[in-house]
Amino acid sequence: MLAKILIDNQSKNELTCEWGLAVYLEYEGRRILLDTGTTGVFVKNAEAMGVPLEKVEYGVLSHAHYDHSDGMEAFFEKNDTAKFYLRKGARENCYGKRWIFYKYIGIARGILEKYRDRIVYVDGIFELVPGVWLLPHTTPGLAQIGKRAGLYVKDGRKLVPDFFAHEQSLVLDTKEGLVIFNSCSHGGADNIIREVSEAFPGKSICALIGGLHLYRSTGEEVRALAGRVRETGIRKVITGHCTGERAFGLLKEELGDVVEGLYTGMEFEIG
């Protein structure tokens, strides 16, 4: 499995970075795009990195927030064949709360209808290609996490705490073990690792890759999560985007070389 980070918050080179995430994957001869960042700038980065977006066969949206979905239109303009796979619960209905104010943070309104012929909604454990799956959350009580994070979804006329029915993990089977991509891990990194372990009993989990949504978390919360992640026995956590620099430093203190940072332009192979 080859991964190339087309967009992350940070860059260590001339490539453009932004608040968001987009990842290009090659797996057993198949080409997959996970997320599209906040704008279409990932397309220019892809060209600079030699990534043929026009040859991508499958697009995957990790969850229905703007910083992962708003480059979808740019992708559809570049690639006229690939379908984009969304969780069945994905809608244009996500909001963030600060103080008493609610701000729309979802997929650009109208995109799901405009590109309905290019979008596939999946339910349950969905096999994208042999050895690659899309998994929903199965952990109960995630609305409590949504409320603490100030994340909401509109249900009819009401705003209710997000329980992340729109979020999914992309899981790939490699010779080193299962590799999990979850772009923001809103449901909790430890929960996600456990969900995957329960879905594939007997298989080892090699790595979790993506943001951990800790940029507003307290030091105590970050250290507690690190402890729970350590207990899973996972061998590598490659993280960036919404993890935050302060939280990343604390994770390094707690987990050492298990933790590695993402950045725009990063490339790595597993298995």
C-alpha atoms as a PDB file:
ATOM      1  CA  MET A   1       0.000   0.000   0.000  1.00  0.00           C
ATOM      2  CA  LEU A   2       1.361   3.392  -1.050  1.00  0.00           C
ATOM      3  CA  ALA A   3      -0.006   6.603   0.471  1.00  0.00           C
ATOM      4  CA  LYS A   4       0.608  10.190  -0.656  1.00  0.00           C
ATOM      5  CA  ILE A   5      -0.699  13.103   1.411  1.00  0.00           C
ATOM      6  CA  LEU A   6      -2.064  15.623  -1.077  1.00  0.00           C
ATOM      7  CA  ILE A   7      -3.329  18.056   1.572  1.00  0.00           C
ATOM      8  CA  ASP A   8      -2.697  18.513   5.282  1.00  0.00           C
ATOM      9  CA  ASN A   9      -2.454  21.574   7.515  1.00  0.00           C
ATOM     10  CA  GLN A  10       1.329  21.534   7.316  1.00  0.00           C
ATOM     11  CA  SER A  11       3.845  21.397   4.501  1.00  0.00           C
ATOM     12  CA  LYS A  12       7.601  20.800   4.568  1.00  0.00           C
ATOM     13  CA  ASN A  13       8.144  21.762   0.947  1.00  0.00           C
ATOM     14  CA  GLU A  14       6.831  24.060  -1.787  1.00  0.00           C
ATOM     15  CA  LEU A  15       3.432  22.370  -1.877  1.00  0.00           C
ATOM     16  CA  THR A  16       0.400  24.338  -0.705  1.00  0.00           C
ATOM     17  CA  CYS A  17      -1.173  23.374   2.606  1.00  0.00           C
ATOM     18  CA  GLU A  18      -4.580  24.199   4.063  1.00  0.00           C
ATOM     19  CA  TRP A  19      -6.878  23.176   6.910  1.00  0.00           C
ATOM     20  CA  GLY A  20      -8.102  19.861   5.545  1.00  0.00           C
ATOM     21  CA  LEU A  21      -7.008  16.459   4.371  1.00  0.00           C
ATOM     22  CA  ALA A  22      -6.728  14.575   1.076  1.00  0.00           C
ATOM     23  CA  VAL A  23      -4.904  11.267   0.636  1.00  0.00           C
ATOM     24  CA  TYR A  24      -4.065   9.312  -2.523  1.00  0.00           C
ATOM     25  CA  LEU A  25      -3.686   5.549  -2.141  1.00  0.00           C
ATOM     26  CA  GLU A  26      -2.462   2.768  -4.372  1.00  0.00           C
ATOM     27  CA  TYR A  27      -3.450  -0.722  -3.268  1.00  0.00           C
ATOM     28  CA  GLU A  28      -2.999  -3.917  -5.272  1.00  0.00           C
ATOM     29  CA  GLY A  29      -3.060  -1.944  -8.523  1.00  0.00           C
ATOM     30  CA  ARG A  30      -6.156   0.100  -7.558  1.00  0.00           C
ATOM     31  CA  ARG A  31      -6.185   3.872  -7.116  1.00  0.00           C
ATOM     32  CA  ILE A  32      -8.228   5.449  -4.316  1.00  0.00           C
ATOM     33  CA  LEU A  33      -8.706   9.064  -3.225  1.00  0.00           C
ATOM     34  CA  LEU A  34      -9.680   9.710   0.393  1.00  0.00           C
ATOM     35  CA  ASP A  35     -11.173  13.193   0.886  1.00  0.00           C
ATOM     36  CA  THR A  36     -10.523  16.375  -1.067  1.00  0.00           C
ATOM     37  CA  GLY A  37      -9.576  19.090   1.415  1.00  0.00           C
ATOM     38  CA  THR A  38     -11.241  22.490   1.760  1.00  0.00           C
ATOM     39  CA  THR A  39     -10.580  23.738  -1.784  1.00  0.00           C
ATOM     40  CA  GLY A  40      -9.374  22.344  -5.065  1.00  0.00           C
ATOM     41  CA  VAL A  41      -5.719  23.102  -4.305  1.00  0.00           C
ATOM     42  CA  PHE A  42      -5.019  19.385  -3.750  1.00  0.00           C
ATOM     43  CA  VAL A  43      -5.348  18.999  -7.538  1.00  0.00           C
ATOM     44  CA  LYS A  44      -2.279  21.202  -8.097  1.00  0.00           C
ATOM     45  CA  ASN A  45      -0.379  19.344  -5.402  1.00  0.00           C
ATOM     46  CA  ALA A  46      -1.299  16.051  -7.029  1.00  0.00           C
ATOM     47  CA  GLU A  47       0.122  17.235 -10.335  1.00  0.00           C
ATOM     48  CA  ALA A  48       3.362  18.293  -8.622  1.00  0.00           C
ATOM     49  CA  MET A  49       3.586  14.902  -6.896  1.00  0.00           C
ATOM     50  CA  GLY A  50       2.937  12.921 -10.069  1.00  0.00           C
ATOM     51  CA  VAL A  51      -0.458  11.653  -8.908  1.00  0.00           C
ATOM     52  CA  PRO A  52      -2.822  10.924 -11.836  1.00  0.00           C
ATOM     53  CA  LEU A  53      -6.161  12.011 -10.402  1.00  0.00           C
ATOM     54  CA  GLU A  54      -7.840  11.285 -13.723  1.00  0.00           C
ATOM     55  CA  LYS A  55      -6.972   7.604 -13.180  1.00  0.00           C
ATOM     56  CA  VAL A  56      -8.420   7.365  -9.663  1.00  0.00           C
ATOM     57  CA  GLU A  57     -11.012   4.578  -9.625  1.00  0.00           C
ATOM     58  CA  TYR A  58     -12.673   5.170  -6.263  1.00  0.00           C
ATOM     59  CA  GLY A  59     -13.279   8.250  -4.162  1.00  0.00           C
ATOM     60  CA  VAL A  60     -14.073   7.964  -0.458  1.00  0.00           C
ATOM     61  CA  LEU A  61     -15.444  10.689   1.809  1.00  0.00           C
ATOM     62  CA  SER A  62     -14.471  10.097   5.425  1.00  0.00           C
ATOM     63  CA  HIS A  63     -17.233  12.326   6.803  1.00  0.00           C
ATOM     64  CA  ALA A  64     -19.515  15.181   5.818  1.00  0.00           C
ATOM     65  CA  HIS A  65     -17.461  18.223   6.877  1.00  0.00           C
ATOM     66  CA  TYR A  66     -16.359  20.979   4.505  1.00  0.00           C
ATOM     67  CA  ASP A  67     -12.615  20.540   5.101  1.00  0.00           C
ATOM     68  CA  HIS A  68     -12.786  17.051   3.614  1.00  0.00           C
ATOM     69  CA  SER A  69     -15.527  17.474   1.027  1.00  0.00           C
ATOM     70  CA  ASP A  70     -15.349  20.930  -0.540  1.00  0.00           C
ATOM     71  CA  GLY A  71     -12.734  19.885  -3.097  1.00  0.00           C
ATOM     72  CA  MET A  72     -15.068  17.204  -4.492  1.00  0.00           C
ATOM     73  CA  GLU A  73     -16.206  19.408  -7.361  1.00  0.00           C
ATOM     74  CA  ALA A  74     -12.580  20.002  -8.395  1.00  0.00           C
ATOM     75  CA  PHE A  75     -12.054  16.243  -8.401  1.00  0.00           C
ATOM     76  CA  PHE A  76     -15.152  15.617 -10.509  1.00  0.00           C
ATOM     77  CA  GLU A  77     -13.912  18.180 -13.022  1.00  0.00           C
ATOM     78  CA  LYS A  78     -10.562  16.360 -13.216  1.00  0.00           C
ATOM     79  CA  ASN A  79     -11.952  12.810 -13.193  1.00  0.00           C
ATOM     80  CA  ASP A  80     -15.135  11.974 -15.099  1.00  0.00           C
ATOM     81  CA  THR A  81     -15.556   8.300 -14.147  1.00  0.00           C
ATOM     82  CA  ALA A  82     -14.823   7.542 -10.488  1.00  0.00           C
ATOM     83  CA  LYS A  83     -17.684   7.236  -8.031  1.00  0.00           C
ATOM     84  CA  PHE A  84     -17.418   8.820  -4.595  1.00  0.00           C
ATOM     85  CA  TYR A  85     -18.459   6.602  -1.675  1.00  0.00           C
ATOM     86  CA  LEU A  86     -20.208   8.260   1.263  1.00  0.00           C
ATOM     87  CA  ARG A  87     -21.705   6.791   4.401  1.00  0.00           C
ATOM     88  CA  LYS A  88     -25.486   6.444   4.186  1.00  0.00           C
ATOM     89  CA  GLY A  89     -25.845   8.981   6.997  1.00  0.00           C
ATOM     90  CA  ALA A  90     -23.988  11.726   5.091  1.00  0.00           C
ATOM     91  CA  ARG A  91     -26.113  14.839   4.513  1.00  0.00           C
ATOM     92  CA  GLU A  92     -25.653  18.573   4.110  1.00  0.00           C
ATOM     93  CA  ASN A  93     -26.541  19.105   7.762  1.00  0.00           C
ATOM     94  CA  CYS A  94     -23.421  19.494   9.932  1.00  0.00           C
ATOM     95  CA  TYR A  95     -22.894  22.436  12.309  1.00  0.00           C
ATOM     96  CA  GLY A  96     -20.274  23.548  14.784  1.00  0.00           C
ATOM     97  CA  LYS A  97     -21.187  25.356  18.011  1.00  0.00           C
ATOM     98  CA  ARG A  98     -19.113  28.118  19.598  1.00  0.00           C
ATOM     99  CA  TRP A  99     -20.633  29.811  22.604  1.00  0.00           C
ATOM    100  CA  ILE A 100     -24.309  30.149  21.631  1.00  0.00           C
ATOM    101  CA  PHE A 101     -23.687  30.348  17.890  1.00  0.00           C
ATOM    102  CA  TYR A 102     -24.029  27.566  15.324  1.00  0.00           C
ATOM    103  CA  LYS A 103     -22.050  27.671  12.086  1.00  0.00           C
ATOM    104  CA  TYR A 104     -22.617  25.456   9.081  1.00  0.00           C
ATOM    105  CA  ILE A 105     -19.547  23.241   8.585  1.00  0.00           C
ATOM    106  CA  GLY A 106     -20.955  20.624   6.233  1.00  0.00           C
ATOM    107  CA  ILE A 107     -20.660  19.643   2.585  1.00  0.00           C
ATOM    108  CA  ALA A 108     -21.204  22.631   0.306  1.00  0.00           C
ATOM    109  CA  ARG A 109     -24.935  22.907  -0.165  1.00  0.00           C
ATOM    110  CA  GLY A 110     -26.176  21.545  -3.476  1.00  0.00           C
ATOM    111  CA  ILE A 111     -23.150  19.334  -4.193  1.00  0.00           C
ATOM    112  CA  LEU A 112     -24.881  16.067  -3.294  1.00  0.00           C
ATOM    113  CA  GLU A 113     -27.716  16.803  -5.702  1.00  0.00           C
ATOM    114  CA  LYS A 114     -25.534  18.261  -8.443  1.00  0.00           C
ATOM    115  CA  TYR A 115     -23.310  15.169  -8.509  1.00  0.00           C
ATOM    116  CA  ARG A 116     -25.872  12.561  -7.468  1.00  0.00           C
ATOM    117  CA  ASP A 117     -24.881  10.336 -10.413  1.00  0.00           C
ATOM    118  CA  ARG A 118     -21.292  10.211  -9.109  1.00  0.00           C
ATOM    119  CA  ILE A 119     -22.132   9.505  -5.460  1.00  0.00           C
ATOM    120  CA  VAL A 120     -22.748   6.103  -3.875  1.00  0.00           C
ATOM    121  CA  TYR A 121     -24.154   5.789  -0.335  1.00  0.00           C
ATOM    122  CA  VAL A 122     -23.032   2.727   1.618  1.00  0.00           C
ATOM    123  CA  ASP A 123     -24.326   1.015   4.732  1.00  0.00           C
ATOM    124  CA  GLY A 124     -22.788  -1.434   7.172  1.00  0.00           C
ATOM    125  CA  ILE A 125     -19.383  -2.958   6.409  1.00  0.00           C
ATOM    126  CA  PHE A 126     -18.868  -2.303   2.708  1.00  0.00           C
ATOM    127  CA  GLU A 127     -16.141  -3.983   0.657  1.00  0.00           C
ATOM    128  CA  LEU A 128     -14.878  -1.413  -1.822  1.00  0.00           C
ATOM    129  CA  VAL A 129     -12.457  -3.831  -3.521  1.00  0.00           C
ATOM    130  CA  PRO A 130     -10.943  -7.085  -2.215  1.00  0.00           C
ATOM    131  CA  GLY A 131      -8.945  -6.211   0.890  1.00  0.00           C
ATOM    132  CA  VAL A 132     -10.432  -2.717   1.281  1.00  0.00           C
ATOM    133  CA  TRP A 133     -13.479  -1.910   3.399  1.00  0.00           C
ATOM    134  CA  LEU A 134     -15.533   1.050   4.598  1.00  0.00           C
ATOM    135  CA  LEU A 135     -16.691   0.708   8.211  1.00  0.00           C
ATOM    136  CA  PRO A 136     -19.307   2.694  10.151  1.00  0.00           C
ATOM    137  CA  HIS A 137     -19.143   3.468  13.838  1.00  0.00           C
ATOM    138  CA  THR A 138     -20.606   0.760  16.052  1.00  0.00           C
ATOM    139  CA  THR A 139     -19.748   2.328  19.437  1.00  0.00           C
ATOM    140  CA  PRO A 140     -22.876   3.460  21.341  1.00  0.00           C
ATOM    141  CA  GLY A 141     -23.218   6.885  22.934  1.00  0.00           C
ATOM    142  CA  LEU A 142     -21.135   8.875  20.440  1.00  0.00           C
ATOM    143  CA  ALA A 143     -23.565  11.805  20.711  1.00  0.00           C
ATOM    144  CA  GLN A 144     -21.920  12.573  24.054  1.00  0.00           C
ATOM    145  CA  ILE A 145     -18.605  13.033  22.239  1.00  0.00           C
ATOM    146  CA  GLY A 146     -20.327  15.192  19.631  1.00  0.00           C
ATOM    147  CA  LYS A 147     -21.823  17.441  22.296  1.00  0.00           C
ATOM    148  CA  ARG A 148     -18.500  17.872  24.114  1.00  0.00           C
ATOM    149  CA  ALA A 149     -16.833  18.769  20.817  1.00  0.00           C
ATOM    150  CA  GLY A 150     -19.560  21.263  19.895  1.00  0.00           C
ATOM    151  CA  LEU A 151     -20.541  19.279  16.806  1.00  0.00           C
ATOM    152  CA  TYR A 152     -24.186  19.055  15.766  1.00  0.00           C
ATOM    153  CA  VAL A 153     -26.377  17.832  12.928  1.00  0.00           C
ATOM    154  CA  LYS A 154     -29.731  19.194  11.846  1.00  0.00           C
ATOM    155  CA  ASP A 155     -32.548  16.689  12.308  1.00  0.00           C
ATOM    156  CA  GLY A 156     -35.636  18.245  10.772  1.00  0.00           C
ATOM    157  CA  ARG A 157     -35.806  21.666  12.405  1.00  0.00           C
ATOM    158  CA  LYS A 158     -33.738  20.685  15.427  1.00  0.00           C
ATOM    159  CA  LEU A 159     -29.999  20.658  15.987  1.00  0.00           C
ATOM    160  CA  VAL A 160     -28.899  17.582  17.909  1.00  0.00           C
ATOM    161  CA  PRO A 161     -25.412  16.464  19.017  1.00  0.00           C
ATOM    162  CA  ASP A 162     -23.599  14.700  16.209  1.00  0.00           C
ATOM    163  CA  PHE A 163     -23.421  10.930  16.660  1.00  0.00           C
ATOM    164  CA  PHE A 164     -21.253  10.599  13.522  1.00  0.00           C
ATOM    165  CA  ALA A 165     -23.496   8.441  11.357  1.00  0.00           C
ATOM    166  CA  HIS A 166     -21.763  10.203   8.438  1.00  0.00           C
ATOM    167  CA  GLU A 167     -18.236   9.155   9.472  1.00  0.00           C
ATOM    168  CA  GLN A 168     -16.504   6.030   8.205  1.00  0.00           C
ATOM    169  CA  SER A 169     -13.144   4.307   8.439  1.00  0.00           C
ATOM    170  CA  LEU A 170     -11.256   3.170   5.352  1.00  0.00           C
ATOM    171  CA  VAL A 171      -9.527  -0.115   6.224  1.00  0.00           C
ATOM    172  CA  LEU A 172      -6.914  -1.862   4.095  1.00  0.00           C
ATOM    173  CA  ASP A 173      -5.502  -5.341   4.632  1.00  0.00           C
ATOM    174  CA  THR A 174      -1.703  -5.429   4.234  1.00  0.00           C
ATOM    175  CA  LYS A 175       1.078  -7.911   4.990  1.00  0.00           C
ATOM    176  CA  GLU A 176       1.878  -5.836   8.092  1.00  0.00           C
ATOM    177  CA  GLY A 177      -1.721  -5.976   9.327  1.00  0.00           C
ATOM    178  CA  LEU A 178      -4.824  -3.810   8.961  1.00  0.00           C
ATOM    179  CA  VAL A 179      -4.277  -0.122   8.227  1.00  0.00           C
ATOM    180  CA  ILE A 180      -7.035   2.258   9.300  1.00  0.00           C
ATOM    181  CA  PHE A 181      -7.602   5.669   7.719  1.00  0.00           C
ATOM    182  CA  ASN A 182     -10.036   7.860   9.652  1.00  0.00           C
ATOM    183  CA  SER A 183      -9.525  11.477   8.731  1.00  0.00           C
ATOM    184  CA  CYS A 184     -10.706  13.116  11.979  1.00  0.00           C
ATOM    185  CA  SER A 185     -11.503  10.218  14.312  1.00  0.00           C
ATOM    186  CA  HIS A 186     -14.415  12.144  15.815  1.00  0.00           C
ATOM    187  CA  GLY A 187     -15.736   8.957  17.386  1.00  0.00           C
ATOM    188  CA  GLY A 188     -12.490   8.507  19.344  1.00  0.00           C
ATOM    189  CA  ALA A 189      -9.287   6.882  18.118  1.00  0.00           C
ATOM    190  CA  ASP A 190      -9.493   4.114  20.725  1.00  0.00           C
ATOM    191  CA  ASN A 191     -13.118   3.406  19.801  1.00  0.00           C
ATOM    192  CA  ILE A 192     -12.228   3.238  16.118  1.00  0.00           C
ATOM    193  CA  ILE A 193      -9.376   0.796  16.686  1.00  0.00           C
ATOM    194  CA  ARG A 194     -11.697  -1.381  18.772  1.00  0.00           C
ATOM    195  CA  GLU A 195     -14.455  -1.210  16.137  1.00  0.00           C
ATOM    196  CA  VAL A 196     -12.072  -2.439  13.460  1.00  0.00           C
ATOM    197  CA  SER A 197     -10.702  -5.159  15.732  1.00  0.00           C
ATOM    198  CA  GLU A 198     -14.220  -6.415  16.429  1.00  0.00           C
ATOM    199  CA  ALA A 199     -15.120  -6.332  12.725  1.00  0.00           C
ATOM    200  CA  PHE A 200     -12.048  -8.405  11.803  1.00  0.00           C
ATOM    201  CA  PRO A 201     -11.371 -10.785  14.704  1.00  0.00           C
ATOM    202  CA  GLY A 202      -8.005 -12.451  14.566  1.00  0.00           C
ATOM    203  CA  LYS A 203      -6.393  -9.783  12.376  1.00  0.00           C
ATOM    204  CA  SER A 204      -3.726  -7.520  13.824  1.00  0.00           C
ATOM    205  CA  ILE A 205      -3.987  -3.763  13.414  1.00  0.00           C
ATOM    206  CA  CYS A 206      -0.841  -2.116  12.138  1.00  0.00           C
ATOM    207  CA  ALA A 207      -1.624   1.592  11.973  1.00  0.00           C
ATOM    208  CA  LEU A 208      -4.188   4.361  12.386  1.00  0.00           C
ATOM    209  CA  ILE A 209      -3.695   7.270   9.998  1.00  0.00           C
ATOM    210  CA  GLY A 210      -5.512  10.615  10.086  1.00  0.00           C
ATOM    211  CA  GLY A 211      -6.471  13.459  12.391  1.00  0.00           C
ATOM    212  CA  LEU A 212      -7.502  12.795  15.985  1.00  0.00           C
ATOM    213  CA  HIS A 213      -9.568  15.956  16.604  1.00  0.00           C
ATOM    214  CA  LEU A 214      -7.639  17.003  19.689  1.00  0.00           C
ATOM    215  CA  TYR A 215      -6.812  20.615  18.846  1.00  0.00           C
ATOM    216  CA  ARG A 216      -9.294  21.885  21.467  1.00  0.00           C
ATOM    217  CA  SER A 217      -8.762  19.092  23.985  1.00  0.00           C
ATOM    218  CA  THR A 218      -7.145  19.616  27.382  1.00  0.00           C
ATOM    219  CA  GLY A 219      -3.794  18.081  28.206  1.00  0.00           C
ATOM    220  CA  GLU A 220      -5.515  15.691  30.583  1.00  0.00           C
ATOM    221  CA  GLU A 221      -7.888  14.541  27.830  1.00  0.00           C
ATOM    222  CA  VAL A 222      -5.024  14.011  25.372  1.00  0.00           C
ATOM    223  CA  ARG A 223      -2.978  11.994  27.850  1.00  0.00           C
ATOM    224  CA  ALA A 224      -6.008   9.892  28.763  1.00  0.00           C
ATOM    225  CA  LEU A 225      -6.648   9.110  25.093  1.00  0.00           C
ATOM    226  CA  ALA A 226      -2.978   8.222  24.626  1.00  0.00           C
ATOM    227  CA  GLY A 227      -3.292   5.712  27.439  1.00  0.00           C
ATOM    228  CA  ARG A 228      -6.338   4.107  25.873  1.00  0.00           C
ATOM    229  CA  VAL A 229      -4.631   3.955  22.484  1.00  0.00           C
ATOM    230  CA  ARG A 230      -1.567   2.364  24.069  1.00  0.00           C
ATOM    231  CA  GLU A 231      -3.788  -0.360  25.517  1.00  0.00           C
ATOM    232  CA  THR A 232      -4.965  -1.328  22.013  1.00  0.00           C
ATOM    233  CA  GLY A 233      -1.436  -2.403  21.119  1.00  0.00           C
ATOM    234  CA  ILE A 234      -1.460  -0.516  17.812  1.00  0.00           C
ATOM    235  CA  ARG A 235       2.035  -0.192  16.374  1.00  0.00           C
ATOM    236  CA  LYS A 236       1.843   3.159  14.553  1.00  0.00           C
ATOM    237  CA  VAL A 237      -0.280   6.326  14.667  1.00  0.00           C
ATOM    238  CA  ILE A 238       0.433   8.756  11.830  1.00  0.00           C
ATOM    239  CA  THR A 239      -1.505  11.910  12.590  1.00  0.00           C
ATOM    240  CA  GLY A 240      -1.971  15.551  11.667  1.00  0.00           C
ATOM    241  CA  HIS A 241      -4.745  17.859  10.474  1.00  0.00           C
ATOM    242  CA  CYS A 242      -7.129  18.375  13.436  1.00  0.00           C
ATOM    243  CA  THR A 243      -4.862  16.779  16.045  1.00  0.00           C
ATOM    244  CA  GLY A 244      -3.135  20.096  16.752  1.00  0.00           C
ATOM    245  CA  GLU A 245       0.528  20.811  17.503  1.00  0.00           C
ATOM    246  CA  ARG A 246       0.130  20.904  21.278  1.00  0.00           C
ATOM    247  CA  ALA A 247      -1.753  17.618  21.375  1.00  0.00           C
ATOM    248  CA  PHE A 248       0.750  16.053  18.977  1.00  0.00           C
ATOM    249  CA  GLY A 249       3.562  16.939  21.356  1.00  0.00           C
ATOM    250  CA  LEU A 250       1.730  15.340  24.273  1.00  0.00           C
ATOM    251  CA  LEU A 251       1.044  12.201  22.229  1.00  0.00           C
ATOM    252  CA  LYS A 252       4.757  11.971  21.432  1.00  0.00           C
ATOM    253  CA  GLU A 253       5.544  12.253  25.134  1.00  0.00           C
ATOM    254  CA  GLU A 254       3.124   9.456  25.967  1.00  0.00           C
ATOM    255  CA  LEU A 255       3.557   7.121  22.982  1.00  0.00           C
ATOM    256  CA  GLY A 256       7.044   7.918  21.695  1.00  0.00           C
ATOM    257  CA  ASP A 257       7.987   6.521  18.304  1.00  0.00           C
ATOM    258  CA  VAL A 258       4.517   5.021  17.836  1.00  0.00           C
ATOM    259  CA  VAL A 259       3.419   8.539  16.817  1.00  0.00           C
ATOM    260  CA  GLU A 260       4.497  10.186  13.568  1.00  0.00           C
ATOM    261  CA  GLY A 261       3.338  13.455  11.988  1.00  0.00           C
ATOM    262  CA  LEU A 262       1.484  13.975   8.719  1.00  0.00           C
ATOM    263  CA  TYR A 263       2.326  16.762   6.295  1.00  0.00           C
ATOM    264  CA  THR A 264       1.464  17.795   2.748  1.00  0.00           C
ATOM    265  CA  GLY A 265       3.692  15.927   0.334  1.00  0.00           C
ATOM    266  CA  MET A 266       4.434  13.042   2.683  1.00  0.00           C
ATOM    267  CA  GLU A 267       4.726   9.609   1.067  1.00  0.00           C
ATOM    268  CA  PHE A 268       4.991   6.223   2.734  1.00  0.00           C
ATOM    269  CA  GLU A 269       4.455   2.530   2.087  1.00  0.00           C
ATOM    270  CA  ILE A 270       3.069  -0.146   4.412  1.00  0.00           C
ATOM    271  CA  GLY A 271       3.186  -3.839   3.635  1.00  0.00           C
END
